[in-house]
């Protein structure tokens, strides 16, 4: 499987499906951004820390990468794909799309 884009509504459907194991939600924004708004289940790993911390991740696990608008998370996803990770999804539009399309009560910035 190659890197895929996933929309906020598709991710919401996945997370809501009791018959499908939830993916790791890996938020690659900075701590101050994460503190402003986030998905409750997300794990923070700022983009700059990923190369040093990627041993903490399972290369075969479904992993959804999240950032503000989807650009940084795409860069991290491409990096991880080159490191042998096989089940990567980039949240298209990032947390901003989640706020717009799934949970409008989530603050935006």
PDB file of N, CA and C in Angstrom:
ATOM      1  N   UNK A   1       0.848  -1.182   0.000  1.00  0.00           N
ATOM      2  CA  UNK A   1       0.000   0.000   0.000  1.00  0.00           C
ATOM      3  C   UNK A   1       0.889   1.239   0.000  1.00  0.00           C
ATOM      4  N   UNK A   2       0.503   2.224  -0.733  1.00  0.00           N
ATOM      5  CA  UNK A   2       1.270   3.454  -0.784  1.00  0.00           C
ATOM      6  C   UNK A   2       0.586   4.534   0.048  1.00  0.00           C
ATOM      7  N   UNK A   3       1.259   5.635   0.197  1.00  0.00           N
ATOM      8  CA  UNK A   3       0.727   6.779   0.910  1.00  0.00           C
ATOM      9  C   UNK A   3      -0.594   7.213   0.283  1.00  0.00           C
ATOM     10  N   UNK A   4      -1.583   7.467   1.135  1.00  0.00           N
ATOM     11  CA  UNK A   4      -2.897   7.886   0.662  1.00  0.00           C
ATOM     12  C   UNK A   4      -3.323   9.172   1.344  1.00  0.00           C
ATOM     13  N   UNK A   5      -4.157   9.928   0.665  1.00  0.00           N
ATOM     14  CA  UNK A   5      -4.817  11.072   1.278  1.00  0.00           C
ATOM     15  C   UNK A   5      -6.125  10.560   1.877  1.00  0.00           C
ATOM     16  N   UNK A   6      -6.519  11.121   3.017  1.00  0.00           N
ATOM     17  CA  UNK A   6      -7.796  10.782   3.623  1.00  0.00           C
ATOM     18  C   UNK A   6      -8.470  12.092   4.012  1.00  0.00           C
ATOM     19  N   UNK A   7      -9.746  12.209   3.696  1.00  0.00           N
ATOM     20  CA  UNK A   7     -10.475  13.427   4.045  1.00  0.00           C
ATOM     21  C   UNK A   7     -10.892  13.368   5.508  1.00  0.00           C
ATOM     22  N   UNK A   8     -11.252  14.512   6.032  1.00  0.00           N
ATOM     23  CA  UNK A   8     -11.714  14.569   7.421  1.00  0.00           C
ATOM     24  C   UNK A   8     -12.956  13.710   7.611  1.00  0.00           C
ATOM     25  N   UNK A   9     -13.881  13.738   6.668  1.00  0.00           N
ATOM     26  CA  UNK A   9     -15.095  12.929   6.825  1.00  0.00           C
ATOM     27  C   UNK A   9     -14.788  11.440   6.719  1.00  0.00           C
ATOM     28  N   UNK A  10     -13.847  11.068   5.842  1.00  0.00           N
ATOM     29  CA  UNK A  10     -13.451   9.655   5.759  1.00  0.00           C
ATOM     30  C   UNK A  10     -12.792   9.203   7.057  1.00  0.00           C
ATOM     31  N   UNK A  11     -11.942  10.039   7.623  1.00  0.00           N
ATOM     32  CA  UNK A  11     -11.306   9.696   8.897  1.00  0.00           C
ATOM     33  C   UNK A  11     -12.359   9.588   9.997  1.00  0.00           C
ATOM     34  N   UNK A  12     -13.307  10.499  10.024  1.00  0.00           N
ATOM     35  CA  UNK A  12     -14.366  10.435  11.026  1.00  0.00           C
ATOM     36  C   UNK A  12     -15.152   9.131  10.902  1.00  0.00           C
ATOM     37  N   UNK A  13     -15.469   8.730   9.678  1.00  0.00           N
ATOM     38  CA  UNK A  13     -16.170   7.457   9.461  1.00  0.00           C
ATOM     39  C   UNK A  13     -15.328   6.291   9.979  1.00  0.00           C
ATOM     40  N   UNK A  14     -14.031   6.311   9.721  1.00  0.00           N
ATOM     41  CA  UNK A  14     -13.125   5.252  10.176  1.00  0.00           C
ATOM     42  C   UNK A  14     -13.121   5.197  11.703  1.00  0.00           C
ATOM     43  N   UNK A  15     -12.957   6.341  12.333  1.00  0.00           N
ATOM     44  CA  UNK A  15     -12.899   6.377  13.801  1.00  0.00           C
ATOM     45  C   UNK A  15     -14.223   5.983  14.440  1.00  0.00           C
ATOM     46  N   UNK A  16     -15.313   6.154  13.705  1.00  0.00           N
ATOM     47  CA  UNK A  16     -16.644   5.832  14.229  1.00  0.00           C
ATOM     48  C   UNK A  16     -17.043   4.381  13.988  1.00  0.00           C
ATOM     49  N   UNK A  17     -16.269   3.659  13.218  1.00  0.00           N
ATOM     50  CA  UNK A  17     -16.595   2.280  12.853  1.00  0.00           C
ATOM     51  C   UNK A  17     -16.082   1.319  13.926  1.00  0.00           C
ATOM     52  N   UNK A  18     -17.000   0.727  14.719  1.00  0.00           N
ATOM     53  CA  UNK A  18     -16.563  -0.160  15.792  1.00  0.00           C
ATOM     54  C   UNK A  18     -15.925  -1.457  15.291  1.00  0.00           C
ATOM     55  N   UNK A  19     -16.124  -1.776  14.019  1.00  0.00           N
ATOM     56  CA  UNK A  19     -15.571  -3.010  13.468  1.00  0.00           C
ATOM     57  C   UNK A  19     -14.200  -2.813  12.825  1.00  0.00           C
ATOM     58  N   UNK A  20     -13.712  -1.590  12.852  1.00  0.00           N
ATOM     59  CA  UNK A  20     -12.420  -1.306  12.227  1.00  0.00           C
ATOM     60  C   UNK A  20     -11.479  -0.743  13.288  1.00  0.00           C
ATOM     61  N   UNK A  21     -10.321  -1.362  13.476  1.00  0.00           N
ATOM     62  CA  UNK A  21      -9.371  -0.832  14.456  1.00  0.00           C
ATOM     63  C   UNK A  21      -8.973   0.602  14.117  1.00  0.00           C
ATOM     64  N   UNK A  22      -8.899   1.435  15.129  1.00  0.00           N
ATOM     65  CA  UNK A  22      -8.529   2.836  14.924  1.00  0.00           C
ATOM     66  C   UNK A  22      -7.058   2.958  14.560  1.00  0.00           C
ATOM     67  N   UNK A  23      -6.741   3.914  13.690  1.00  0.00           N
ATOM     68  CA  UNK A  23      -5.339   4.146  13.337  1.00  0.00           C
ATOM     69  C   UNK A  23      -4.656   4.965  14.425  1.00  0.00           C
ATOM     70  N   UNK A  24      -3.340   4.991  14.362  1.00  0.00           N
ATOM     71  CA  UNK A  24      -2.580   5.941  15.162  1.00  0.00           C
ATOM     72  C   UNK A  24      -2.769   7.299  14.511  1.00  0.00           C
ATOM     73  N   UNK A  25      -3.168   8.287  15.293  1.00  0.00           N
ATOM     74  CA  UNK A  25      -3.288   9.659  14.819  1.00  0.00           C
ATOM     75  C   UNK A  25      -2.031  10.381  15.267  1.00  0.00           C
ATOM     76  N   UNK A  26      -1.162  10.680  14.330  1.00  0.00           N
ATOM     77  CA  UNK A  26       0.123  11.286  14.640  1.00  0.00           C
ATOM     78  C   UNK A  26       0.106  12.752  14.218  1.00  0.00           C
ATOM     79  N   UNK A  27       0.070  13.627  15.208  1.00  0.00           N
ATOM     80  CA  UNK A  27       0.004  15.069  14.969  1.00  0.00           C
ATOM     81  C   UNK A  27       1.423  15.615  14.952  1.00  0.00           C
ATOM     82  N   UNK A  28       1.824  16.194  13.830  1.00  0.00           N
ATOM     83  CA  UNK A  28       3.208  16.637  13.671  1.00  0.00           C
ATOM     84  C   UNK A  28       3.363  18.158  13.823  1.00  0.00           C
ATOM     85  N   UNK A  29       2.344  18.813  14.361  1.00  0.00           N
ATOM     86  CA  UNK A  29       2.432  20.258  14.596  1.00  0.00           C
ATOM     87  C   UNK A  29       3.281  20.538  15.841  1.00  0.00           C
ATOM     88  N   UNK A  30       3.463  21.793  16.129  1.00  0.00           N
ATOM     89  CA  UNK A  30       4.214  22.210  17.304  1.00  0.00           C
ATOM     90  C   UNK A  30       3.319  22.151  18.544  1.00  0.00           C
ATOM     91  N   UNK A  31       3.910  21.994  19.741  1.00  0.00           N
ATOM     92  CA  UNK A  31       3.104  21.892  20.959  1.00  0.00           C
ATOM     93  C   UNK A  31       2.111  23.041  21.145  1.00  0.00           C
ATOM     94  N   UNK A  32       2.504  24.272  20.809  1.00  0.00           N
ATOM     95  CA  UNK A  32       1.586  25.396  20.989  1.00  0.00           C
ATOM     96  C   UNK A  32       0.362  25.260  20.085  1.00  0.00           C
ATOM     97  N   UNK A  33       0.533  24.706  18.883  1.00  0.00           N
ATOM     98  CA  UNK A  33      -0.595  24.459  17.981  1.00  0.00           C
ATOM     99  C   UNK A  33      -1.476  23.334  18.520  1.00  0.00           C
ATOM    100  N   UNK A  34      -0.828  22.287  18.992  1.00  0.00           N
ATOM    101  CA  UNK A  34      -1.531  21.130  19.542  1.00  0.00           C
ATOM    102  C   UNK A  34      -2.378  21.552  20.743  1.00  0.00           C
ATOM    103  N   UNK A  35      -1.847  22.480  21.549  1.00  0.00           N
ATOM    104  CA  UNK A  35      -2.578  22.957  22.718  1.00  0.00           C
ATOM    105  C   UNK A  35      -3.814  23.762  22.337  1.00  0.00           C
ATOM    106  N   UNK A  36      -3.798  24.398  21.176  1.00  0.00           N
ATOM    107  CA  UNK A  36      -4.944  25.194  20.727  1.00  0.00           C
ATOM    108  C   UNK A  36      -6.130  24.328  20.312  1.00  0.00           C
ATOM    109  N   UNK A  37      -5.849  23.276  19.567  1.00  0.00           N
ATOM    110  CA  UNK A  37      -6.901  22.378  19.100  1.00  0.00           C
ATOM    111  C   UNK A  37      -6.267  21.072  18.652  1.00  0.00           C
ATOM    112  N   UNK A  38      -6.972  19.996  18.901  1.00  0.00           N
ATOM    113  CA  UNK A  38      -6.447  18.678  18.535  1.00  0.00           C
ATOM    114  C   UNK A  38      -7.555  17.644  18.579  1.00  0.00           C
ATOM    115  N   UNK A  39      -7.267  16.511  17.969  1.00  0.00           N
ATOM    116  CA  UNK A  39      -8.131  15.347  18.121  1.00  0.00           C
ATOM    117  C   UNK A  39      -7.715  14.675  19.425  1.00  0.00           C
ATOM    118  N   UNK A  40      -8.684  14.330  20.243  1.00  0.00           N
ATOM    119  CA  UNK A  40      -8.374  13.789  21.569  1.00  0.00           C
ATOM    120  C   UNK A  40      -7.451  12.579  21.523  1.00  0.00           C
ATOM    121  N   UNK A  41      -7.607  11.757  20.501  1.00  0.00           N
ATOM    122  CA  UNK A  41      -6.832  10.517  20.421  1.00  0.00           C
ATOM    123  C   UNK A  41      -5.437  10.723  19.825  1.00  0.00           C
ATOM    124  N   UNK A  42      -5.153  11.929  19.361  1.00  0.00           N
ATOM    125  CA  UNK A  42      -3.901  12.171  18.641  1.00  0.00           C
ATOM    126  C   UNK A  42      -2.691  12.171  19.573  1.00  0.00           C
ATOM    127  N   UNK A  43      -1.590  11.717  19.005  1.00  0.00           N
ATOM    128  CA  UNK A  43      -0.301  11.706  19.697  1.00  0.00           C
ATOM    129  C   UNK A  43       0.577  12.787  19.068  1.00  0.00           C
ATOM    130  N   UNK A  44       1.140  13.628  19.884  1.00  0.00           N
ATOM    131  CA  UNK A  44       1.979  14.711  19.387  1.00  0.00           C
ATOM    132  C   UNK A  44       3.411  14.218  19.161  1.00  0.00           C
ATOM    133  N   UNK A  45       3.908  14.482  17.955  1.00  0.00           N
ATOM    134  CA  UNK A  45       5.303  14.237  17.623  1.00  0.00           C
ATOM    135  C   UNK A  45       5.689  15.319  16.606  1.00  0.00           C
ATOM    136  N   UNK A  46       6.163  16.470  17.080  1.00  0.00           N
ATOM    137  CA  UNK A  46       6.480  17.561  16.158  1.00  0.00           C
ATOM    138  C   UNK A  46       7.371  17.108  15.004  1.00  0.00           C
ATOM    139  N   UNK A  47       7.113  17.703  13.860  1.00  0.00           N
ATOM    140  CA  UNK A  47       7.793  17.320  12.621  1.00  0.00           C
ATOM    141  C   UNK A  47       9.303  17.177  12.791  1.00  0.00           C
ATOM    142  N   UNK A  48       9.946  18.134  13.421  1.00  0.00           N
ATOM    143  CA  UNK A  48      11.409  18.109  13.557  1.00  0.00           C
ATOM    144  C   UNK A  48      11.901  16.946  14.410  1.00  0.00           C
ATOM    145  N   UNK A  49      11.027  16.392  15.246  1.00  0.00           N
ATOM    146  CA  UNK A  49      11.443  15.306  16.133  1.00  0.00           C
ATOM    147  C   UNK A  49      11.243  13.919  15.521  1.00  0.00           C
ATOM    148  N   UNK A  50      10.543  13.836  14.404  1.00  0.00           N
ATOM    149  CA  UNK A  50      10.192  12.528  13.833  1.00  0.00           C
ATOM    150  C   UNK A  50      11.419  11.681  13.492  1.00  0.00           C
ATOM    151  N   UNK A  51      12.448  12.205  12.807  1.00  0.00           N
ATOM    152  CA  UNK A  51      13.582  11.334  12.491  1.00  0.00           C
ATOM    153  C   UNK A  51      14.212  10.689  13.728  1.00  0.00           C
ATOM    154  N   UNK A  52      14.322  11.431  14.803  1.00  0.00           N
ATOM    155  CA  UNK A  52      14.933  10.891  16.024  1.00  0.00           C
ATOM    156  C   UNK A  52      13.985   9.976  16.792  1.00  0.00           C
ATOM    157  N   UNK A  53      12.686  10.115  16.570  1.00  0.00           N
ATOM    158  CA  UNK A  53      11.704   9.366  17.360  1.00  0.00           C
ATOM    159  C   UNK A  53      10.962   8.293  16.562  1.00  0.00           C
ATOM    160  N   UNK A  54      11.297   8.094  15.306  1.00  0.00           N
ATOM    161  CA  UNK A  54      10.486   7.175  14.513  1.00  0.00           C
ATOM    162  C   UNK A  54      10.555   5.727  15.006  1.00  0.00           C
ATOM    163  N   UNK A  55      11.543   5.385  15.811  1.00  0.00           N
ATOM    164  CA  UNK A  55      11.592   4.040  16.394  1.00  0.00           C
ATOM    165  C   UNK A  55      10.423   3.809  17.350  1.00  0.00           C
ATOM    166  N   UNK A  56       9.776   4.881  17.799  1.00  0.00           N
ATOM    167  CA  UNK A  56       8.594   4.764  18.668  1.00  0.00           C
ATOM    168  C   UNK A  56       7.351   4.354  17.877  1.00  0.00           C
ATOM    169  N   UNK A  57       7.449   4.354  16.563  1.00  0.00           N
ATOM    170  CA  UNK A  57       6.304   4.077  15.696  1.00  0.00           C
ATOM    171  C   UNK A  57       6.398   2.692  15.084  1.00  0.00           C
ATOM    172  N   UNK A  58       5.258   2.097  14.797  1.00  0.00           N
ATOM    173  CA  UNK A  58       5.190   0.788  14.153  1.00  0.00           C
ATOM    174  C   UNK A  58       5.072   0.997  12.640  1.00  0.00           C
ATOM    175  N   UNK A  59       6.079   0.574  11.866  1.00  0.00           N
ATOM    176  CA  UNK A  59       6.047   0.796  10.418  1.00  0.00           C
ATOM    177  C   UNK A  59       4.887   0.109   9.705  1.00  0.00           C
ATOM    178  N   UNK A  60       4.274  -0.894  10.334  1.00  0.00           N
ATOM    179  CA  UNK A  60       3.184  -1.625   9.699  1.00  0.00           C
ATOM    180  C   UNK A  60       1.803  -1.196  10.200  1.00  0.00           C
ATOM    181  N   UNK A  61       1.752  -0.243  11.122  1.00  0.00           N
ATOM    182  CA  UNK A  61       0.469   0.199  11.679  1.00  0.00           C
ATOM    183  C   UNK A  61      -0.178   1.253  10.800  1.00  0.00           C
ATOM    184  N   UNK A  62      -1.507   1.244  10.740  1.00  0.00           N
ATOM    185  CA  UNK A  62      -2.232   2.323  10.083  1.00  0.00           C
ATOM    186  C   UNK A  62      -1.928   3.612  10.840  1.00  0.00           C
ATOM    187  N   UNK A  63      -1.387   4.592  10.146  1.00  0.00           N
ATOM    188  CA  UNK A  63      -0.978   5.852  10.762  1.00  0.00           C
ATOM    189  C   UNK A  63      -1.506   7.008   9.931  1.00  0.00           C
ATOM    190  N   UNK A  64      -2.285   7.878  10.594  1.00  0.00           N
ATOM    191  CA  UNK A  64      -2.801   9.075   9.947  1.00  0.00           C
ATOM    192  C   UNK A  64      -1.989  10.258  10.455  1.00  0.00           C
ATOM    193  N   UNK A  65      -1.368  10.978   9.524  1.00  0.00           N
ATOM    194  CA  UNK A  65      -0.552  12.140   9.879  1.00  0.00           C
ATOM    195  C   UNK A  65      -1.394  13.401   9.783  1.00  0.00           C
ATOM    196  N   UNK A  66      -1.232  14.261  10.801  1.00  0.00           N
ATOM    197  CA  UNK A  66      -2.069  15.453  10.929  1.00  0.00           C
ATOM    198  C   UNK A  66      -1.187  16.671  11.165  1.00  0.00           C
ATOM    199  N   UNK A  67      -1.537  17.775  10.496  1.00  0.00           N
ATOM    200  CA  UNK A  67      -0.936  19.076  10.792  1.00  0.00           C
ATOM    201  C   UNK A  67      -2.025  20.126  10.625  1.00  0.00           C
ATOM    202  N   UNK A  68      -1.648  21.365  10.418  1.00  0.00           N
ATOM    203  CA  UNK A  68      -2.628  22.443  10.320  1.00  0.00           C
ATOM    204  C   UNK A  68      -3.438  22.348   9.027  1.00  0.00           C
ATOM    205  N   UNK A  69      -2.768  22.297   7.876  1.00  0.00           N
ATOM    206  CA  UNK A  69      -3.470  22.269   6.590  1.00  0.00           C
ATOM    207  C   UNK A  69      -3.110  21.071   5.716  1.00  0.00           C
ATOM    208  N   UNK A  70      -2.212  20.218   6.157  1.00  0.00           N
ATOM    209  CA  UNK A  70      -1.882  19.008   5.409  1.00  0.00           C
ATOM    210  C   UNK A  70      -0.535  19.002   4.714  1.00  0.00           C
ATOM    211  N   UNK A  71       0.195  20.111   4.741  1.00  0.00           N
ATOM    212  CA  UNK A  71       1.486  20.160   4.036  1.00  0.00           C
ATOM    213  C   UNK A  71       2.609  19.523   4.846  1.00  0.00           C
ATOM    214  N   UNK A  72       2.747  19.921   6.108  1.00  0.00           N
ATOM    215  CA  UNK A  72       3.809  19.339   6.942  1.00  0.00           C
ATOM    216  C   UNK A  72       3.582  17.843   7.131  1.00  0.00           C
ATOM    217  N   UNK A  73       2.335  17.462   7.357  1.00  0.00           N
ATOM    218  CA  UNK A  73       2.044  16.039   7.555  1.00  0.00           C
ATOM    219  C   UNK A  73       2.374  15.242   6.295  1.00  0.00           C
ATOM    220  N   UNK A  74       2.157  15.834   5.124  1.00  0.00           N
ATOM    221  CA  UNK A  74       2.515  15.148   3.878  1.00  0.00           C
ATOM    222  C   UNK A  74       4.026  14.970   3.793  1.00  0.00           C
ATOM    223  N   UNK A  75       4.792  15.971   4.175  1.00  0.00           N
ATOM    224  CA  UNK A  75       6.248  15.840   4.166  1.00  0.00           C
ATOM    225  C   UNK A  75       6.696  14.725   5.103  1.00  0.00           C
ATOM    226  N   UNK A  76       6.110  14.654   6.288  1.00  0.00           N
ATOM    227  CA  UNK A  76       6.469  13.597   7.238  1.00  0.00           C
ATOM    228  C   UNK A  76       6.050  12.243   6.688  1.00  0.00           C
ATOM    229  N   UNK A  77       4.868  12.166   6.094  1.00  0.00           N
ATOM    230  CA  UNK A  77       4.406  10.899   5.515  1.00  0.00           C
ATOM    231  C   UNK A  77       5.361  10.414   4.429  1.00  0.00           C
ATOM    232  N   UNK A  78       5.802  11.312   3.574  1.00  0.00           N
ATOM    233  CA  UNK A  78       6.753  10.925   2.519  1.00  0.00           C
ATOM    234  C   UNK A  78       8.079  10.461   3.119  1.00  0.00           C
ATOM    235  N   UNK A  79       8.529  11.144   4.166  1.00  0.00           N
ATOM    236  CA  UNK A  79       9.753  10.722   4.857  1.00  0.00           C
ATOM    237  C   UNK A  79       9.578   9.312   5.430  1.00  0.00           C
ATOM    238  N   UNK A  80       8.475   9.079   6.130  1.00  0.00           N
ATOM    239  CA  UNK A  80       8.241   7.765   6.742  1.00  0.00           C
ATOM    240  C   UNK A  80       8.086   6.677   5.676  1.00  0.00           C
ATOM    241  N   UNK A  81       7.447   7.022   4.569  1.00  0.00           N
ATOM    242  CA  UNK A  81       7.312   6.049   3.482  1.00  0.00           C
ATOM    243  C   UNK A  81       8.696   5.620   2.984  1.00  0.00           C
ATOM    244  N   UNK A  82       9.612   6.566   2.869  1.00  0.00           N
ATOM    245  CA  UNK A  82      10.980   6.241   2.437  1.00  0.00           C
ATOM    246  C   UNK A  82      11.735   5.430   3.484  1.00  0.00           C
ATOM    247  N   UNK A  83      11.259   5.438   4.715  1.00  0.00           N
ATOM    248  CA  UNK A  83      11.880   4.656   5.786  1.00  0.00           C
ATOM    249  C   UNK A  83      11.239   3.275   5.913  1.00  0.00           C
ATOM    250  N   UNK A  84      10.291   2.947   5.030  1.00  0.00           N
ATOM    251  CA  UNK A  84       9.696   1.615   5.022  1.00  0.00           C
ATOM    252  C   UNK A  84       8.324   1.513   5.658  1.00  0.00           C
ATOM    253  N   UNK A  85       7.739   2.623   6.079  1.00  0.00           N
ATOM    254  CA  UNK A  85       6.380   2.587   6.629  1.00  0.00           C
ATOM    255  C   UNK A  85       5.419   2.329   5.474  1.00  0.00           C
ATOM    256  N   UNK A  86       4.435   1.470   5.702  1.00  0.00           N
ATOM    257  CA  UNK A  86       3.616   0.989   4.595  1.00  0.00           C
ATOM    258  C   UNK A  86       2.137   1.339   4.672  1.00  0.00           C
ATOM    259  N   UNK A  87       1.653   1.873   5.785  1.00  0.00           N
ATOM    260  CA  UNK A  87       0.213   2.120   5.930  1.00  0.00           C
ATOM    261  C   UNK A  87      -0.013   3.559   6.393  1.00  0.00           C
ATOM    262  N   UNK A  88       0.335   4.491   5.528  1.00  0.00           N
ATOM    263  CA  UNK A  88       0.308   5.913   5.865  1.00  0.00           C
ATOM    264  C   UNK A  88      -0.835   6.636   5.174  1.00  0.00           C
ATOM    265  N   UNK A  89      -1.454   7.530   5.907  1.00  0.00           N
ATOM    266  CA  UNK A  89      -2.535   8.370   5.404  1.00  0.00           C
ATOM    267  C   UNK A  89      -2.242   9.808   5.816  1.00  0.00           C
ATOM    268  N   UNK A  90      -2.394  10.726   4.880  1.00  0.00           N
ATOM    269  CA  UNK A  90      -2.249  12.140   5.190  1.00  0.00           C
ATOM    270  C   UNK A  90      -3.646  12.744   5.303  1.00  0.00           C
ATOM    271  N   UNK A  91      -3.921  13.425   6.412  1.00  0.00           N
ATOM    272  CA  UNK A  91      -5.216  14.074   6.575  1.00  0.00           C
ATOM    273  C   UNK A  91      -5.252  15.300   5.662  1.00  0.00           C
ATOM    274  N   UNK A  92      -5.967  15.188   4.558  1.00  0.00           N
ATOM    275  CA  UNK A  92      -6.068  16.276   3.583  1.00  0.00           C
ATOM    276  C   UNK A  92      -6.743  17.483   4.234  1.00  0.00           C
ATOM    277  N   UNK A  93      -6.081  18.619   4.161  1.00  0.00           N
ATOM    278  CA  UNK A  93      -6.631  19.830   4.763  1.00  0.00           C
ATOM    279  C   UNK A  93      -6.345  19.968   6.240  1.00  0.00           C
ATOM    280  N   UNK A  94      -5.742  18.943   6.836  1.00  0.00           N
ATOM    281  CA  UNK A  94      -5.318  18.985   8.227  1.00  0.00           C
ATOM    282  C   UNK A  94      -6.431  19.223   9.241  1.00  0.00           C
ATOM    283  N   UNK A  95      -6.020  19.706  10.399  1.00  0.00           N
ATOM    284  CA  UNK A  95      -6.949  19.949  11.499  1.00  0.00           C
ATOM    285  C   UNK A  95      -7.958  21.032  11.113  1.00  0.00           C
ATOM    286  N   UNK A  96      -7.579  21.912  10.200  1.00  0.00           N
ATOM    287  CA  UNK A  96      -8.512  22.943   9.728  1.00  0.00           C
ATOM    288  C   UNK A  96      -9.696  22.296   9.005  1.00  0.00           C
ATOM    289  N   UNK A  97      -9.432  21.265   8.206  1.00  0.00           N
ATOM    290  CA  UNK A  97     -10.513  20.547   7.517  1.00  0.00           C
ATOM    291  C   UNK A  97     -11.379  19.791   8.517  1.00  0.00           C
ATOM    292  N   UNK A  98     -10.758  19.228   9.541  1.00  0.00           N
ATOM    293  CA  UNK A  98     -11.526  18.527  10.579  1.00  0.00           C
ATOM    294  C   UNK A  98     -12.496  19.497  11.250  1.00  0.00           C
ATOM    295  N   UNK A  99     -11.998  20.669  11.589  1.00  0.00           N
ATOM    296  CA  UNK A  99     -12.838  21.676  12.235  1.00  0.00           C
ATOM    297  C   UNK A  99     -13.960  22.126  11.295  1.00  0.00           C
ATOM    298  N   UNK A 100     -13.644  22.304  10.042  1.00  0.00           N
ATOM    299  CA  UNK A 100     -14.633  22.770   9.064  1.00  0.00           C
ATOM    300  C   UNK A 100     -15.679  21.700   8.735  1.00  0.00           C
ATOM    301  N   UNK A 101     -15.223  20.442   8.542  1.00  0.00           N
ATOM    302  CA  UNK A 101     -16.097  19.409   7.997  1.00  0.00           C
ATOM    303  C   UNK A 101     -16.677  18.437   9.015  1.00  0.00           C
ATOM    304  N   UNK A 102     -16.042  18.303  10.176  1.00  0.00           N
ATOM    305  CA  UNK A 102     -16.468  17.287  11.139  1.00  0.00           C
ATOM    306  C   UNK A 102     -16.908  17.903  12.465  1.00  0.00           C
ATOM    307  N   UNK A 103     -16.077  18.762  13.030  1.00  0.00           N
ATOM    308  CA  UNK A 103     -16.353  19.293  14.361  1.00  0.00           C
ATOM    309  C   UNK A 103     -16.161  20.816  14.382  1.00  0.00           C
ATOM    310  N   UNK A 104     -17.194  21.548  13.973  1.00  0.00           N
ATOM    311  CA  UNK A 104     -17.073  23.014  13.923  1.00  0.00           C
ATOM    312  C   UNK A 104     -16.847  23.670  15.283  1.00  0.00           C
ATOM    313  N   UNK A 105     -17.060  22.933  16.373  1.00  0.00           N
ATOM    314  CA  UNK A 105     -16.809  23.512  17.700  1.00  0.00           C
ATOM    315  C   UNK A 105     -15.315  23.519  18.042  1.00  0.00           C
ATOM    316  N   UNK A 106     -14.504  22.826  17.255  1.00  0.00           N
ATOM    317  CA  UNK A 106     -13.064  22.818  17.479  1.00  0.00           C
ATOM    318  C   UNK A 106     -12.496  24.171  17.067  1.00  0.00           C
ATOM    319  N   UNK A 107     -11.724  24.807  17.938  1.00  0.00           N
ATOM    320  CA  UNK A 107     -11.170  26.125  17.593  1.00  0.00           C
ATOM    321  C   UNK A 107     -10.293  26.067  16.345  1.00  0.00           C
ATOM    322  N   UNK A 108     -10.240  27.161  15.641  1.00  0.00           N
ATOM    323  CA  UNK A 108      -9.367  27.265  14.473  1.00  0.00           C
ATOM    324  C   UNK A 108      -8.347  28.365  14.746  1.00  0.00           C
ATOM    325  N   UNK A 109      -7.282  28.342  13.984  1.00  0.00           N
ATOM    326  CA  UNK A 109      -6.258  29.375  14.114  1.00  0.00           C
ATOM    327  C   UNK A 109      -5.636  29.654  12.776  1.00  0.00           C
TER     328      UNK A 109
END
